[in-house]
């Protein structure tokens, strides 16, 4: 990986007829650096999450009768959760939703069993907490496998988290946001083309990671 955020900014400026300043200045005032950096960070997170580019594993303690389990590693998406009992036994914990937790048992969260059976994640990203149901009457641990995010893009010349092979598709995603918002810069046809190219990159990445190409 060798592409920097400033190189991406330069490419974007050339595509929208802005003078190439590595993103420092935007003379037409149709966009600003902070706005474009926001698009870049959002598209990077979406690419990493949807393609499951980098997976990480973390463990977190479960306190008996507590509905929330917090962990240090911020994840873009939780992919698998396993219950680890103190006696060494394990069991899968299946994904659900906050609505589903309430529907599992009318007495939730008062009702407890020997281990949790489903979990739900918060809406905020990065994810640092899961909510379990039913509550566990025993202490234990959760092993959580999830998609790991990348570094924050700030325009300082840092190396992008995405591998160089996927930067061309990623850039089209950022350009889609720039051309898709309301205002003088809006260009629906080009924005739609860019969105399709971005999705194409995610599909290619998934196919490669799954060994289909």
N, C-alpha and C. Protein backbone atom coordinates (compact mmCIF):
# COMPACT_ATOMS: atom_id res chain seq x y z
N UNK A 1 0.85 -1.19 0.00
CA UNK A 1 0.00 0.00 0.00
C UNK A 1 0.88 1.24 0.00
N UNK A 2 0.69 2.08 -1.00
CA UNK A 2 1.54 3.26 -1.12
C UNK A 2 0.77 4.53 -1.48
N UNK A 3 -0.53 4.41 -1.79
CA UNK A 3 -1.31 5.58 -2.17
C UNK A 3 -1.60 6.44 -0.94
N UNK A 4 -1.41 7.75 -1.06
CA UNK A 4 -1.68 8.64 0.05
C UNK A 4 -3.02 9.35 -0.14
N UNK A 5 -3.52 9.90 0.95
CA UNK A 5 -4.79 10.63 0.86
C UNK A 5 -4.65 11.88 -0.02
N UNK A 6 -3.48 12.49 -0.05
CA UNK A 6 -3.28 13.66 -0.89
C UNK A 6 -3.32 13.30 -2.38
N UNK A 7 -2.84 12.11 -2.73
CA UNK A 7 -2.92 11.66 -4.11
C UNK A 7 -4.38 11.45 -4.53
N UNK A 8 -5.19 10.92 -3.62
CA UNK A 8 -6.61 10.76 -3.91
C UNK A 8 -7.26 12.13 -4.08
N UNK A 9 -6.93 13.07 -3.22
CA UNK A 9 -7.49 14.41 -3.31
C UNK A 9 -7.11 15.08 -4.64
N UNK A 10 -5.87 14.89 -5.07
CA UNK A 10 -5.44 15.46 -6.35
C UNK A 10 -6.24 14.89 -7.50
N UNK A 11 -6.45 13.59 -7.49
CA UNK A 11 -7.25 12.94 -8.55
C UNK A 11 -8.66 13.50 -8.57
N UNK A 12 -9.27 13.65 -7.40
CA UNK A 12 -10.62 14.18 -7.32
C UNK A 12 -10.69 15.60 -7.87
N UNK A 13 -9.70 16.42 -7.53
CA UNK A 13 -9.70 17.80 -8.03
C UNK A 13 -9.60 17.85 -9.54
N UNK A 14 -8.79 17.00 -10.12
CA UNK A 14 -8.66 17.00 -11.58
C UNK A 14 -9.96 16.56 -12.24
N UNK A 15 -10.70 15.64 -11.61
CA UNK A 15 -11.94 15.14 -12.19
C UNK A 15 -13.05 16.17 -12.17
N UNK A 16 -12.98 17.13 -11.25
CA UNK A 16 -14.06 18.14 -11.17
C UNK A 16 -13.57 19.52 -11.56
N UNK A 17 -12.46 19.56 -12.31
CA UNK A 17 -11.94 20.81 -12.86
C UNK A 17 -11.55 21.83 -11.79
N UNK A 18 -11.02 21.32 -10.68
CA UNK A 18 -10.43 22.19 -9.66
C UNK A 18 -8.92 22.19 -9.84
N UNK A 19 -8.24 23.29 -9.57
CA UNK A 19 -6.77 23.29 -9.62
C UNK A 19 -6.21 22.26 -8.65
N UNK A 20 -5.22 21.51 -9.09
CA UNK A 20 -4.64 20.46 -8.27
C UNK A 20 -3.77 21.08 -7.18
N UNK A 21 -4.24 20.99 -5.94
CA UNK A 21 -3.47 21.50 -4.81
C UNK A 21 -3.35 20.45 -3.72
N UNK A 22 -3.51 19.17 -4.08
CA UNK A 22 -3.53 18.06 -3.10
C UNK A 22 -4.63 18.27 -2.06
N UNK A 23 -5.68 18.96 -2.48
CA UNK A 23 -6.83 19.12 -1.61
C UNK A 23 -6.78 20.32 -0.69
N UNK A 24 -5.71 21.09 -0.73
CA UNK A 24 -5.56 22.21 0.21
C UNK A 24 -6.59 23.30 -0.06
N UNK A 25 -6.78 23.67 -1.33
CA UNK A 25 -7.70 24.75 -1.66
C UNK A 25 -8.67 24.31 -2.75
N UNK A 26 -9.89 24.87 -2.68
CA UNK A 26 -10.95 24.55 -3.64
C UNK A 26 -11.52 25.89 -4.14
N UNK A 27 -10.86 26.51 -5.13
CA UNK A 27 -11.21 27.87 -5.55
C UNK A 27 -12.65 28.06 -6.02
N UNK A 28 -13.27 27.03 -6.60
CA UNK A 28 -14.64 27.22 -7.10
C UNK A 28 -15.66 27.29 -5.97
N UNK A 29 -15.24 26.86 -4.79
CA UNK A 29 -16.10 26.86 -3.60
C UNK A 29 -17.33 25.97 -3.73
N UNK A 30 -17.28 25.05 -4.68
CA UNK A 30 -18.37 24.09 -4.77
C UNK A 30 -18.22 23.00 -3.70
N UNK A 31 -17.00 22.77 -3.26
CA UNK A 31 -16.71 21.83 -2.18
C UNK A 31 -15.68 22.46 -1.26
N UNK A 32 -15.50 21.87 -0.10
CA UNK A 32 -14.46 22.27 0.83
C UNK A 32 -13.68 21.05 1.28
N UNK A 33 -12.49 21.26 1.80
CA UNK A 33 -11.64 20.13 2.20
C UNK A 33 -12.32 19.26 3.25
N UNK A 34 -12.89 19.87 4.28
CA UNK A 34 -13.52 19.07 5.34
C UNK A 34 -14.66 18.22 4.79
N UNK A 35 -15.43 18.78 3.87
CA UNK A 35 -16.53 18.03 3.26
C UNK A 35 -16.00 16.82 2.50
N UNK A 36 -14.98 17.02 1.67
CA UNK A 36 -14.44 15.93 0.86
C UNK A 36 -13.78 14.87 1.76
N UNK A 37 -13.09 15.30 2.80
CA UNK A 37 -12.49 14.34 3.73
C UNK A 37 -13.58 13.50 4.40
N UNK A 38 -14.71 14.10 4.69
CA UNK A 38 -15.82 13.33 5.25
C UNK A 38 -16.31 12.26 4.29
N UNK A 39 -16.42 12.61 3.00
CA UNK A 39 -16.80 11.62 1.99
C UNK A 39 -15.75 10.50 1.91
N UNK A 40 -14.48 10.88 1.96
CA UNK A 40 -13.41 9.89 1.86
C UNK A 40 -13.44 8.90 3.03
N UNK A 41 -13.64 9.40 4.23
CA UNK A 41 -13.68 8.51 5.40
C UNK A 41 -14.91 7.61 5.36
N UNK A 42 -16.03 8.17 4.94
CA UNK A 42 -17.25 7.38 4.87
C UNK A 42 -17.13 6.27 3.82
N UNK A 43 -16.61 6.60 2.65
CA UNK A 43 -16.49 5.59 1.60
C UNK A 43 -15.44 4.53 1.95
N UNK A 44 -14.39 4.93 2.64
CA UNK A 44 -13.40 3.94 3.06
C UNK A 44 -14.03 2.95 4.03
N UNK A 45 -14.80 3.45 4.99
CA UNK A 45 -15.46 2.56 5.94
C UNK A 45 -16.44 1.64 5.25
N UNK A 46 -17.20 2.18 4.29
CA UNK A 46 -18.18 1.36 3.58
C UNK A 46 -17.51 0.28 2.74
N UNK A 47 -16.40 0.61 2.09
CA UNK A 47 -15.69 -0.38 1.28
C UNK A 47 -15.14 -1.49 2.18
N UNK A 48 -14.48 -1.11 3.27
CA UNK A 48 -13.91 -2.10 4.17
C UNK A 48 -14.98 -2.98 4.79
N UNK A 49 -16.12 -2.38 5.15
CA UNK A 49 -17.20 -3.14 5.78
C UNK A 49 -17.86 -4.08 4.80
N UNK A 50 -18.26 -3.58 3.63
CA UNK A 50 -19.03 -4.40 2.69
C UNK A 50 -18.19 -5.51 2.08
N UNK A 51 -16.90 -5.26 1.89
CA UNK A 51 -16.02 -6.28 1.33
C UNK A 51 -15.42 -7.17 2.41
N UNK A 52 -15.63 -6.81 3.69
CA UNK A 52 -15.02 -7.55 4.82
C UNK A 52 -13.52 -7.70 4.58
N UNK A 53 -12.88 -6.57 4.29
CA UNK A 53 -11.48 -6.58 3.89
C UNK A 53 -10.56 -7.09 4.98
N UNK A 54 -10.74 -6.59 6.20
CA UNK A 54 -9.89 -6.98 7.33
C UNK A 54 -10.78 -7.45 8.47
N UNK A 55 -10.56 -8.68 8.93
CA UNK A 55 -11.31 -9.22 10.05
C UNK A 55 -10.42 -9.27 11.29
N UNK A 56 -11.02 -8.97 12.43
CA UNK A 56 -10.30 -9.02 13.69
C UNK A 56 -11.11 -9.79 14.72
N UNK A 57 -10.43 -10.26 15.76
CA UNK A 57 -11.08 -11.03 16.83
C UNK A 57 -10.78 -10.35 18.16
N UNK A 58 -11.81 -10.17 18.95
CA UNK A 58 -11.64 -9.61 20.29
C UNK A 58 -12.51 -10.39 21.26
N UNK A 59 -12.15 -10.37 22.53
CA UNK A 59 -12.95 -11.01 23.56
C UNK A 59 -13.34 -9.98 24.61
N UNK A 60 -14.52 -10.16 25.17
CA UNK A 60 -15.02 -9.22 26.16
C UNK A 60 -15.71 -9.98 27.29
N UNK A 61 -15.52 -9.54 28.52
CA UNK A 61 -16.17 -10.22 29.65
C UNK A 61 -17.66 -9.96 29.70
N UNK A 62 -18.40 -10.98 30.09
CA UNK A 62 -19.84 -10.87 30.30
C UNK A 62 -20.11 -10.95 31.79
N UNK A 63 -20.71 -9.91 32.33
CA UNK A 63 -21.06 -9.88 33.75
C UNK A 63 -22.48 -10.41 33.90
N UNK A 64 -22.68 -11.33 34.83
CA UNK A 64 -24.00 -11.94 35.03
C UNK A 64 -25.07 -10.87 35.22
N UNK A 65 -26.19 -11.05 34.53
CA UNK A 65 -27.38 -10.20 34.60
C UNK A 65 -27.16 -8.79 34.02
N UNK A 66 -26.12 -8.63 33.24
CA UNK A 66 -25.88 -7.36 32.57
C UNK A 66 -26.26 -7.49 31.10
N UNK A 67 -27.06 -6.55 30.53
CA UNK A 67 -27.50 -6.69 29.14
C UNK A 67 -26.46 -6.24 28.12
N UNK A 68 -25.49 -5.42 28.52
CA UNK A 68 -24.53 -4.86 27.58
C UNK A 68 -23.13 -5.43 27.80
N UNK A 69 -22.48 -5.69 26.68
CA UNK A 69 -21.11 -6.18 26.69
C UNK A 69 -20.27 -5.19 25.88
N UNK A 70 -19.29 -4.59 26.50
CA UNK A 70 -18.46 -3.59 25.82
C UNK A 70 -17.07 -4.17 25.57
N UNK A 71 -16.43 -3.67 24.51
CA UNK A 71 -15.09 -4.12 24.17
C UNK A 71 -14.31 -2.95 23.59
N UNK A 72 -12.99 -3.08 23.60
CA UNK A 72 -12.11 -1.97 23.24
C UNK A 72 -12.01 -1.78 21.73
N UNK A 73 -11.96 -2.86 20.98
CA UNK A 73 -11.71 -2.77 19.54
C UNK A 73 -12.95 -2.22 18.83
N UNK A 74 -12.80 -1.07 18.16
CA UNK A 74 -13.90 -0.53 17.38
C UNK A 74 -14.05 -1.28 16.07
N UNK A 75 -15.23 -1.82 15.81
CA UNK A 75 -15.47 -2.62 14.61
C UNK A 75 -16.49 -1.91 13.71
N UNK A 76 -16.33 -2.10 12.41
CA UNK A 76 -17.30 -1.57 11.46
C UNK A 76 -18.54 -2.44 11.39
N UNK A 77 -18.36 -3.73 11.63
CA UNK A 77 -19.49 -4.65 11.59
C UNK A 77 -19.12 -5.91 12.35
N UNK A 78 -20.06 -6.43 13.11
CA UNK A 78 -19.86 -7.69 13.83
C UNK A 78 -20.32 -8.83 12.93
N UNK A 79 -19.46 -9.83 12.74
CA UNK A 79 -19.78 -10.95 11.84
C UNK A 79 -20.12 -12.24 12.58
N UNK A 80 -19.53 -12.46 13.75
CA UNK A 80 -19.78 -13.72 14.46
C UNK A 80 -19.52 -13.50 15.95
N UNK A 81 -20.40 -14.09 16.79
CA UNK A 81 -20.24 -13.99 18.24
C UNK A 81 -20.37 -15.39 18.84
N UNK A 82 -19.45 -15.72 19.73
CA UNK A 82 -19.45 -17.03 20.39
C UNK A 82 -19.41 -16.83 21.90
N UNK A 83 -20.24 -17.60 22.60
CA UNK A 83 -20.26 -17.58 24.07
C UNK A 83 -19.18 -18.51 24.59
N UNK A 84 -18.35 -18.03 25.51
CA UNK A 84 -17.30 -18.82 26.13
C UNK A 84 -17.60 -18.91 27.63
N UNK A 85 -18.03 -20.08 28.08
CA UNK A 85 -18.36 -20.27 29.49
C UNK A 85 -17.08 -20.49 30.30
N UNK A 86 -17.17 -20.25 31.60
CA UNK A 86 -16.01 -20.43 32.47
C UNK A 86 -15.56 -21.88 32.55
N UNK A 87 -16.48 -22.82 32.26
CA UNK A 87 -16.11 -24.24 32.31
C UNK A 87 -15.51 -24.73 31.00
N UNK A 88 -15.33 -23.82 30.04
CA UNK A 88 -14.69 -24.19 28.77
C UNK A 88 -15.64 -24.51 27.65
N UNK A 89 -16.93 -24.62 27.90
CA UNK A 89 -17.89 -24.91 26.84
C UNK A 89 -18.15 -23.64 26.02
N UNK A 90 -18.52 -23.85 24.75
CA UNK A 90 -18.80 -22.73 23.85
C UNK A 90 -20.15 -22.93 23.18
N UNK A 91 -20.72 -21.86 22.69
CA UNK A 91 -21.99 -21.93 21.98
C UNK A 91 -22.13 -20.69 21.11
N UNK A 92 -22.73 -20.82 19.93
CA UNK A 92 -22.93 -19.64 19.07
C UNK A 92 -23.98 -18.70 19.64
N UNK A 93 -23.79 -17.42 19.40
CA UNK A 93 -24.79 -16.40 19.74
C UNK A 93 -25.21 -15.78 18.42
N UNK A 94 -26.50 -15.82 18.13
CA UNK A 94 -26.97 -15.47 16.79
C UNK A 94 -27.36 -13.99 16.68
N UNK A 95 -27.18 -13.40 15.51
CA UNK A 95 -27.51 -11.98 15.34
C UNK A 95 -29.01 -11.73 15.35
N UNK A 96 -29.40 -10.60 15.90
CA UNK A 96 -30.79 -10.18 15.92
C UNK A 96 -30.81 -8.65 15.84
N UNK A 97 -31.77 -8.02 16.45
CA UNK A 97 -31.89 -6.57 16.47
C UNK A 97 -32.37 -6.16 17.86
N UNK A 98 -32.30 -4.87 18.14
CA UNK A 98 -32.80 -4.40 19.43
C UNK A 98 -34.29 -4.69 19.57
N UNK A 99 -35.04 -4.58 18.45
CA UNK A 99 -36.45 -4.95 18.46
C UNK A 99 -36.60 -6.44 18.74
N UNK A 100 -35.73 -7.25 18.13
CA UNK A 100 -35.81 -8.69 18.33
C UNK A 100 -35.53 -9.11 19.76
N UNK A 101 -34.65 -8.39 20.45
CA UNK A 101 -34.37 -8.72 21.85
C UNK A 101 -35.63 -8.59 22.69
N UNK A 102 -36.41 -7.56 22.44
CA UNK A 102 -37.64 -7.38 23.19
C UNK A 102 -38.69 -8.41 22.84
N UNK A 103 -38.72 -8.84 21.57
CA UNK A 103 -39.70 -9.83 21.14
C UNK A 103 -39.33 -11.24 21.57
N UNK A 104 -38.05 -11.47 21.87
CA UNK A 104 -37.63 -12.81 22.31
C UNK A 104 -38.35 -13.22 23.58
N UNK A 105 -38.52 -12.28 24.47
CA UNK A 105 -39.12 -12.58 25.77
C UNK A 105 -39.79 -11.30 26.27
N UNK A 106 -41.07 -11.40 26.60
CA UNK A 106 -41.79 -10.22 27.09
C UNK A 106 -41.20 -9.70 28.38
N UNK A 107 -40.46 -10.55 29.11
CA UNK A 107 -39.87 -10.14 30.38
C UNK A 107 -38.44 -9.64 30.23
N UNK A 108 -37.92 -9.61 28.97
CA UNK A 108 -36.56 -9.10 28.78
C UNK A 108 -36.54 -7.62 29.15
N UNK A 109 -35.51 -7.11 29.88
CA UNK A 109 -34.29 -7.84 30.21
C UNK A 109 -34.28 -8.49 31.58
N UNK A 110 -35.46 -8.64 32.23
CA UNK A 110 -35.48 -9.24 33.57
C UNK A 110 -35.18 -10.74 33.53
N UNK A 111 -35.56 -11.42 32.45
CA UNK A 111 -35.39 -12.86 32.34
C UNK A 111 -33.94 -13.22 32.03
N UNK A 112 -33.44 -14.24 32.70
CA UNK A 112 -32.05 -14.68 32.49
C UNK A 112 -32.01 -16.19 32.32
N UNK A 113 -31.03 -16.65 31.52
CA UNK A 113 -30.76 -18.08 31.36
C UNK A 113 -29.27 -18.31 31.58
N UNK A 114 -28.84 -19.55 31.39
CA UNK A 114 -27.44 -19.86 31.68
C UNK A 114 -26.49 -19.20 30.69
N UNK A 115 -26.99 -18.83 29.50
CA UNK A 115 -26.14 -18.16 28.51
C UNK A 115 -27.01 -17.34 27.57
N UNK A 116 -26.45 -16.32 26.93
CA UNK A 116 -27.21 -15.56 25.93
C UNK A 116 -27.37 -16.35 24.64
N UNK A 117 -28.42 -16.06 23.89
CA UNK A 117 -28.68 -16.77 22.64
C UNK A 117 -28.66 -15.86 21.41
N UNK A 118 -28.96 -14.56 21.59
CA UNK A 118 -28.92 -13.62 20.48
C UNK A 118 -28.24 -12.34 20.93
N UNK A 119 -27.82 -11.55 19.95
CA UNK A 119 -27.19 -10.27 20.25
C UNK A 119 -27.66 -9.24 19.23
N UNK A 120 -27.51 -7.98 19.60
CA UNK A 120 -27.81 -6.87 18.70
C UNK A 120 -26.72 -5.83 18.87
N UNK A 121 -26.44 -5.10 17.81
CA UNK A 121 -25.39 -4.08 17.86
C UNK A 121 -26.01 -2.70 17.84
N UNK A 122 -25.25 -1.75 18.34
CA UNK A 122 -25.68 -0.36 18.31
C UNK A 122 -25.56 0.18 16.90
N UNK A 123 -26.21 1.31 16.65
CA UNK A 123 -26.18 1.90 15.31
C UNK A 123 -24.89 2.65 15.04
N UNK A 124 -24.24 3.13 16.09
CA UNK A 124 -23.04 3.94 15.92
C UNK A 124 -21.87 3.09 15.43
N UNK A 125 -21.03 3.71 14.61
CA UNK A 125 -19.80 3.09 14.13
C UNK A 125 -18.63 3.99 14.53
N UNK A 126 -17.51 3.47 15.07
CA UNK A 126 -17.24 2.04 15.24
C UNK A 126 -18.06 1.42 16.37
N UNK A 127 -18.31 0.13 16.22
CA UNK A 127 -19.11 -0.62 17.21
C UNK A 127 -18.22 -1.01 18.37
N UNK A 128 -18.62 -0.65 19.56
CA UNK A 128 -17.87 -0.99 20.78
C UNK A 128 -18.75 -1.66 21.83
N UNK A 129 -19.98 -2.03 21.44
CA UNK A 129 -20.88 -2.63 22.41
C UNK A 129 -21.88 -3.54 21.71
N UNK A 130 -22.20 -4.68 22.32
CA UNK A 130 -23.30 -5.52 21.87
C UNK A 130 -24.24 -5.72 23.04
N UNK A 131 -25.51 -5.88 22.71
CA UNK A 131 -26.53 -6.15 23.73
C UNK A 131 -27.01 -7.57 23.55
N UNK A 132 -27.10 -8.32 24.65
CA UNK A 132 -27.39 -9.76 24.58
C UNK A 132 -28.76 -10.06 25.18
N UNK A 133 -29.31 -11.19 24.77
CA UNK A 133 -30.58 -11.65 25.30
C UNK A 133 -30.71 -13.17 25.10
N UNK A 134 -31.32 -13.88 26.01
CA UNK A 134 -31.64 -13.39 27.35
C UNK A 134 -30.37 -13.09 28.14
N UNK A 135 -30.51 -12.42 29.26
CA UNK A 135 -29.34 -12.14 30.09
C UNK A 135 -28.74 -13.45 30.59
N UNK A 136 -27.44 -13.41 30.80
CA UNK A 136 -26.75 -14.59 31.31
C UNK A 136 -26.76 -14.57 32.83
N UNK A 137 -27.11 -15.70 33.42
CA UNK A 137 -27.07 -15.81 34.89
C UNK A 137 -25.67 -16.16 35.38
N UNK A 138 -24.75 -16.39 34.44
CA UNK A 138 -23.37 -16.73 34.79
C UNK A 138 -22.40 -15.74 34.16
N UNK A 139 -21.26 -15.58 34.80
CA UNK A 139 -20.19 -14.81 34.17
C UNK A 139 -19.59 -15.65 33.04
N UNK A 140 -19.06 -14.97 32.04
CA UNK A 140 -18.43 -15.65 30.92
C UNK A 140 -17.74 -14.65 30.04
N UNK A 141 -17.55 -15.03 28.77
CA UNK A 141 -16.91 -14.14 27.81
C UNK A 141 -17.59 -14.29 26.45
N UNK A 142 -17.49 -13.23 25.65
CA UNK A 142 -17.91 -13.30 24.25
C UNK A 142 -16.68 -13.16 23.37
N UNK A 143 -16.56 -14.07 22.41
CA UNK A 143 -15.53 -13.92 21.37
C UNK A 143 -16.22 -13.31 20.14
N UNK A 144 -15.74 -12.16 19.73
CA UNK A 144 -16.40 -11.39 18.69
C UNK A 144 -15.49 -11.27 17.48
N UNK A 145 -15.97 -11.71 16.32
CA UNK A 145 -15.26 -11.57 15.06
C UNK A 145 -15.95 -10.46 14.28
N UNK A 146 -15.18 -9.48 13.82
CA UNK A 146 -15.78 -8.37 13.12
C UNK A 146 -14.86 -7.75 12.11
N UNK A 147 -15.42 -6.82 11.34
CA UNK A 147 -14.66 -6.11 10.32
C UNK A 147 -13.96 -4.92 10.97
N UNK A 148 -12.65 -4.87 10.78
CA UNK A 148 -11.83 -3.82 11.38
C UNK A 148 -11.78 -2.62 10.44
N UNK A 149 -11.90 -1.43 11.00
CA UNK A 149 -11.87 -0.21 10.20
C UNK A 149 -10.46 0.25 9.90
N UNK A 150 -10.36 1.32 9.11
CA UNK A 150 -9.07 1.88 8.75
C UNK A 150 -8.79 3.16 9.51
N UNK A 151 -7.65 3.75 9.22
CA UNK A 151 -7.28 5.00 9.85
C UNK A 151 -8.10 6.16 9.30
N UNK A 152 -8.17 7.22 10.07
CA UNK A 152 -8.93 8.40 9.66
C UNK A 152 -8.14 9.19 8.62
N UNK A 153 -8.79 9.49 7.51
CA UNK A 153 -8.17 10.28 6.45
C UNK A 153 -8.25 11.76 6.83
N UNK A 154 -7.10 12.45 6.83
CA UNK A 154 -7.11 13.86 7.24
C UNK A 154 -6.42 14.79 6.25
N UNK A 155 -5.97 14.26 5.10
CA UNK A 155 -5.35 15.10 4.09
C UNK A 155 -3.91 15.48 4.37
N UNK A 156 -3.29 14.79 5.31
CA UNK A 156 -1.92 15.14 5.69
C UNK A 156 -0.86 14.37 4.90
N UNK A 157 -1.30 13.50 3.99
CA UNK A 157 -0.35 12.71 3.22
C UNK A 157 -0.14 11.31 3.74
N UNK A 158 -1.03 10.84 4.62
CA UNK A 158 -0.87 9.50 5.17
C UNK A 158 -1.25 8.43 4.16
N UNK A 159 -0.74 7.24 4.37
CA UNK A 159 -1.01 6.10 3.50
C UNK A 159 -2.45 5.63 3.71
N UNK A 160 -3.15 5.37 2.62
CA UNK A 160 -4.52 4.88 2.70
C UNK A 160 -4.55 3.45 3.25
N UNK A 161 -5.61 3.12 3.98
CA UNK A 161 -5.77 1.77 4.52
C UNK A 161 -6.09 0.77 3.41
N UNK A 162 -6.87 1.18 2.44
CA UNK A 162 -7.23 0.28 1.33
C UNK A 162 -5.99 -0.08 0.51
N UNK A 163 -5.88 -1.34 0.08
CA UNK A 163 -4.79 -1.70 -0.84
C UNK A 163 -4.87 -0.90 -2.14
N UNK A 164 -3.73 -0.69 -2.77
CA UNK A 164 -3.68 0.11 -4.00
C UNK A 164 -4.59 -0.42 -5.09
N UNK A 165 -4.79 -1.74 -5.14
CA UNK A 165 -5.62 -2.33 -6.20
C UNK A 165 -7.05 -1.78 -6.18
N UNK A 166 -7.54 -1.37 -5.01
CA UNK A 166 -8.94 -0.96 -4.89
C UNK A 166 -9.12 0.55 -4.83
N UNK A 167 -8.04 1.30 -4.86
CA UNK A 167 -8.13 2.75 -4.79
C UNK A 167 -8.92 3.34 -5.97
N UNK A 168 -8.74 2.86 -7.22
CA UNK A 168 -9.53 3.43 -8.33
C UNK A 168 -11.03 3.35 -8.10
N UNK A 169 -11.52 2.22 -7.63
CA UNK A 169 -12.96 2.08 -7.36
C UNK A 169 -13.38 2.94 -6.18
N UNK A 170 -12.52 2.99 -5.17
CA UNK A 170 -12.82 3.82 -4.00
C UNK A 170 -12.96 5.29 -4.38
N UNK A 171 -12.07 5.77 -5.24
CA UNK A 171 -12.14 7.17 -5.65
C UNK A 171 -13.46 7.50 -6.32
N UNK A 172 -13.99 6.55 -7.10
CA UNK A 172 -15.29 6.78 -7.73
C UNK A 172 -16.40 6.91 -6.69
N UNK A 173 -16.29 6.20 -5.59
CA UNK A 173 -17.28 6.34 -4.53
C UNK A 173 -17.29 7.73 -3.93
N UNK A 174 -16.10 8.27 -3.69
CA UNK A 174 -16.00 9.64 -3.16
C UNK A 174 -16.57 10.63 -4.17
N UNK A 175 -16.24 10.42 -5.44
CA UNK A 175 -16.73 11.31 -6.49
C UNK A 175 -18.26 11.24 -6.60
N UNK A 176 -18.82 10.07 -6.35
CA UNK A 176 -20.28 9.93 -6.38
C UNK A 176 -20.92 10.82 -5.33
N UNK A 177 -20.32 10.89 -4.15
CA UNK A 177 -20.86 11.76 -3.09
C UNK A 177 -20.72 13.23 -3.46
N UNK A 178 -19.58 13.57 -4.05
CA UNK A 178 -19.35 14.97 -4.43
C UNK A 178 -20.34 15.43 -5.49
N UNK A 179 -20.65 14.54 -6.44
CA UNK A 179 -21.54 14.92 -7.54
C UNK A 179 -23.02 14.65 -7.23
N UNK A 180 -23.28 13.96 -6.13
CA UNK A 180 -24.65 13.57 -5.83
C UNK A 180 -25.38 14.49 -4.86
N UNK A 181 -24.65 15.37 -4.20
CA UNK A 181 -25.33 16.22 -3.23
C UNK A 181 -26.02 17.39 -3.92
N UNK A 182 -26.97 17.97 -3.22
CA UNK A 182 -27.70 19.12 -3.77
C UNK A 182 -26.79 20.34 -3.90
N UNK A 183 -27.01 21.13 -4.93
CA UNK A 183 -26.21 22.33 -5.11
C UNK A 183 -25.73 22.48 -6.53
N UNK A 184 -24.86 23.45 -6.75
CA UNK A 184 -24.35 23.73 -8.09
C UNK A 184 -23.51 22.58 -8.64
N UNK A 185 -22.97 21.78 -7.75
CA UNK A 185 -22.09 20.69 -8.20
C UNK A 185 -22.84 19.42 -8.56
N UNK A 186 -24.15 19.40 -8.38
CA UNK A 186 -24.91 18.17 -8.60
C UNK A 186 -24.90 17.75 -10.07
N UNK A 187 -24.61 16.46 -10.29
CA UNK A 187 -24.60 15.89 -11.63
C UNK A 187 -25.10 14.44 -11.49
N UNK A 188 -26.41 14.24 -11.53
CA UNK A 188 -26.98 12.91 -11.23
C UNK A 188 -26.46 11.79 -12.11
N UNK A 189 -26.27 12.04 -13.40
CA UNK A 189 -25.84 10.98 -14.31
C UNK A 189 -24.42 10.52 -13.97
N UNK A 190 -23.52 11.46 -13.81
CA UNK A 190 -22.15 11.09 -13.45
C UNK A 190 -22.10 10.46 -12.06
N UNK A 191 -22.91 10.97 -11.14
CA UNK A 191 -22.92 10.41 -9.78
C UNK A 191 -23.37 8.95 -9.80
N UNK A 192 -24.38 8.63 -10.61
CA UNK A 192 -24.86 7.25 -10.70
C UNK A 192 -23.79 6.35 -11.31
N UNK A 193 -23.12 6.83 -12.33
CA UNK A 193 -22.02 6.05 -12.92
C UNK A 193 -20.96 5.76 -11.86
N UNK A 194 -20.60 6.78 -11.09
CA UNK A 194 -19.57 6.61 -10.06
C UNK A 194 -20.02 5.64 -8.98
N UNK A 195 -21.28 5.69 -8.59
CA UNK A 195 -21.79 4.75 -7.58
C UNK A 195 -21.67 3.31 -8.07
N UNK A 196 -21.96 3.10 -9.35
CA UNK A 196 -21.86 1.74 -9.90
C UNK A 196 -20.42 1.25 -9.94
N UNK A 197 -19.51 2.13 -10.26
CA UNK A 197 -18.09 1.75 -10.27
C UNK A 197 -17.62 1.41 -8.86
N UNK A 198 -18.07 2.16 -7.87
CA UNK A 198 -17.71 1.88 -6.47
C UNK A 198 -18.22 0.49 -6.07
N UNK A 199 -19.47 0.19 -6.39
CA UNK A 199 -20.03 -1.11 -6.06
C UNK A 199 -19.30 -2.22 -6.80
N UNK A 200 -18.89 -1.95 -8.03
CA UNK A 200 -18.12 -2.92 -8.80
C UNK A 200 -16.84 -3.29 -8.06
N UNK A 201 -16.18 -2.30 -7.47
CA UNK A 201 -14.96 -2.56 -6.72
C UNK A 201 -15.19 -3.44 -5.51
N UNK A 202 -16.30 -3.20 -4.81
CA UNK A 202 -16.63 -4.05 -3.66
C UNK A 202 -16.88 -5.48 -4.11
N UNK A 203 -17.59 -5.65 -5.22
CA UNK A 203 -17.87 -6.99 -5.73
C UNK A 203 -16.59 -7.71 -6.13
N UNK A 204 -15.66 -6.99 -6.75
CA UNK A 204 -14.38 -7.59 -7.12
C UNK A 204 -13.60 -7.99 -5.88
N UNK A 205 -13.57 -7.13 -4.88
CA UNK A 205 -12.84 -7.44 -3.65
C UNK A 205 -13.41 -8.67 -2.97
N UNK A 206 -14.74 -8.76 -2.89
CA UNK A 206 -15.37 -9.92 -2.27
C UNK A 206 -15.06 -11.19 -3.04
N UNK A 207 -15.08 -11.10 -4.37
CA UNK A 207 -14.79 -12.28 -5.19
C UNK A 207 -13.37 -12.75 -4.98
N UNK A 208 -12.44 -11.82 -4.87
CA UNK A 208 -11.05 -12.19 -4.64
C UNK A 208 -10.86 -12.81 -3.26
N UNK A 209 -11.46 -12.21 -2.25
CA UNK A 209 -11.30 -12.71 -0.88
C UNK A 209 -11.96 -14.07 -0.71
N UNK A 210 -13.01 -14.34 -1.47
CA UNK A 210 -13.70 -15.62 -1.39
C UNK A 210 -13.13 -16.65 -2.35
N UNK A 211 -12.10 -16.28 -3.09
CA UNK A 211 -11.45 -17.20 -4.01
C UNK A 211 -12.21 -17.48 -5.27
N UNK A 212 -13.10 -16.56 -5.67
CA UNK A 212 -13.89 -16.77 -6.88
C UNK A 212 -13.25 -16.16 -8.13
N UNK A 213 -12.13 -15.50 -7.97
CA UNK A 213 -11.43 -14.97 -9.15
C UNK A 213 -9.95 -14.78 -8.82
